[in-house]
Amino acid sequence: MSKSTIEWTNTTWNPVTGCDKVSQGCKYCYAEIMSKRLQAMGVKKYKDNFKVREHPETLKEPSTWKKPRLVFVNSMSDLFHKEVSTDFIKQVFKVMNENPKHTFQVLTKRADRLLELSSEINWTPNIWMGVSVENEDVLERVDYLKQTGAQIKFLSIEPLLGPVDDLNLNGINWVIVGGESGPKSRPMKVEWVNQIHKKCTEVGAPFFFKQWGTWGSDGIKRSKKTNGRLLNGRTYDEIETTAANYLLTNKLKK
């Protein structure tokens, strides 16, 4: 477990590490770059660099956290990767089921396997299930997500690499949008973001704008920090209200 600088979560928990590329959103994967750094630092968990590895020793960690928190599960991997055993996936979900004071945010690009296993998963309300979407080519992930038993469904549209004109947000509880960072990053256009925000407004889905990344709204390349998080002059930090209230209620019980 580690505190996270990701704007939409508190903590990262990585019972699995390692992955491989499945679509354009993976091209400049931050987790792959970070894994190499951690390996060079001698961190045991990353001794095999970015090869997929299960870490059963981490499964007890959430039960040791006293205060409720938002937990991004597998920021350094994909829980539904084909090399992660079905048994281990079920163990991870069991841990989440048994720690209802925490809210777990699971994100995958392998939405087909997610749907295959959905009926075998106990979808407690403290589990938010999301899929990554970068352009029109992978919108089937959203359809797969909608068919799962997850009570809270969200989208991480990051890095946004093109317009998503056919995106249907009915049944989606939360939407995150962000641009790409790094020296080889690809630009995100303001009209693409505004279109998604409009769709969120139409269906009442909370909208979270994470960052512009390396390319600003004016199409000029700068540092991520300089470009910031403002969209049309304001910050959007909206979050799924049902789950946010659930987290707040558990805080008040302490």
Foldseek 3Di string as FASTA:
>chain_A
DDADPQQQWGEEAEQKAAEDDDDPLPPPPPLLVVLVVCCVVVPPNSVVRRHIDGHVVRLCVLVPDDAETEYEYRPRYACQGPPRDPVVSQSNLVSCVVRQLYAYEHEHQPLVSVLVCQVVGDQDQSYEYEYEAAEQVRLVSVVSQQNHPHPAYEYEHPQHQYANVPRQCVSHAAYEYEHEADPPGHFDELVRVVVVVVNCVVRVHQYAYRFRYQAANVRDGDHRVVNGRDRPRDGRHTDRVVSVVSNVVSNVVD
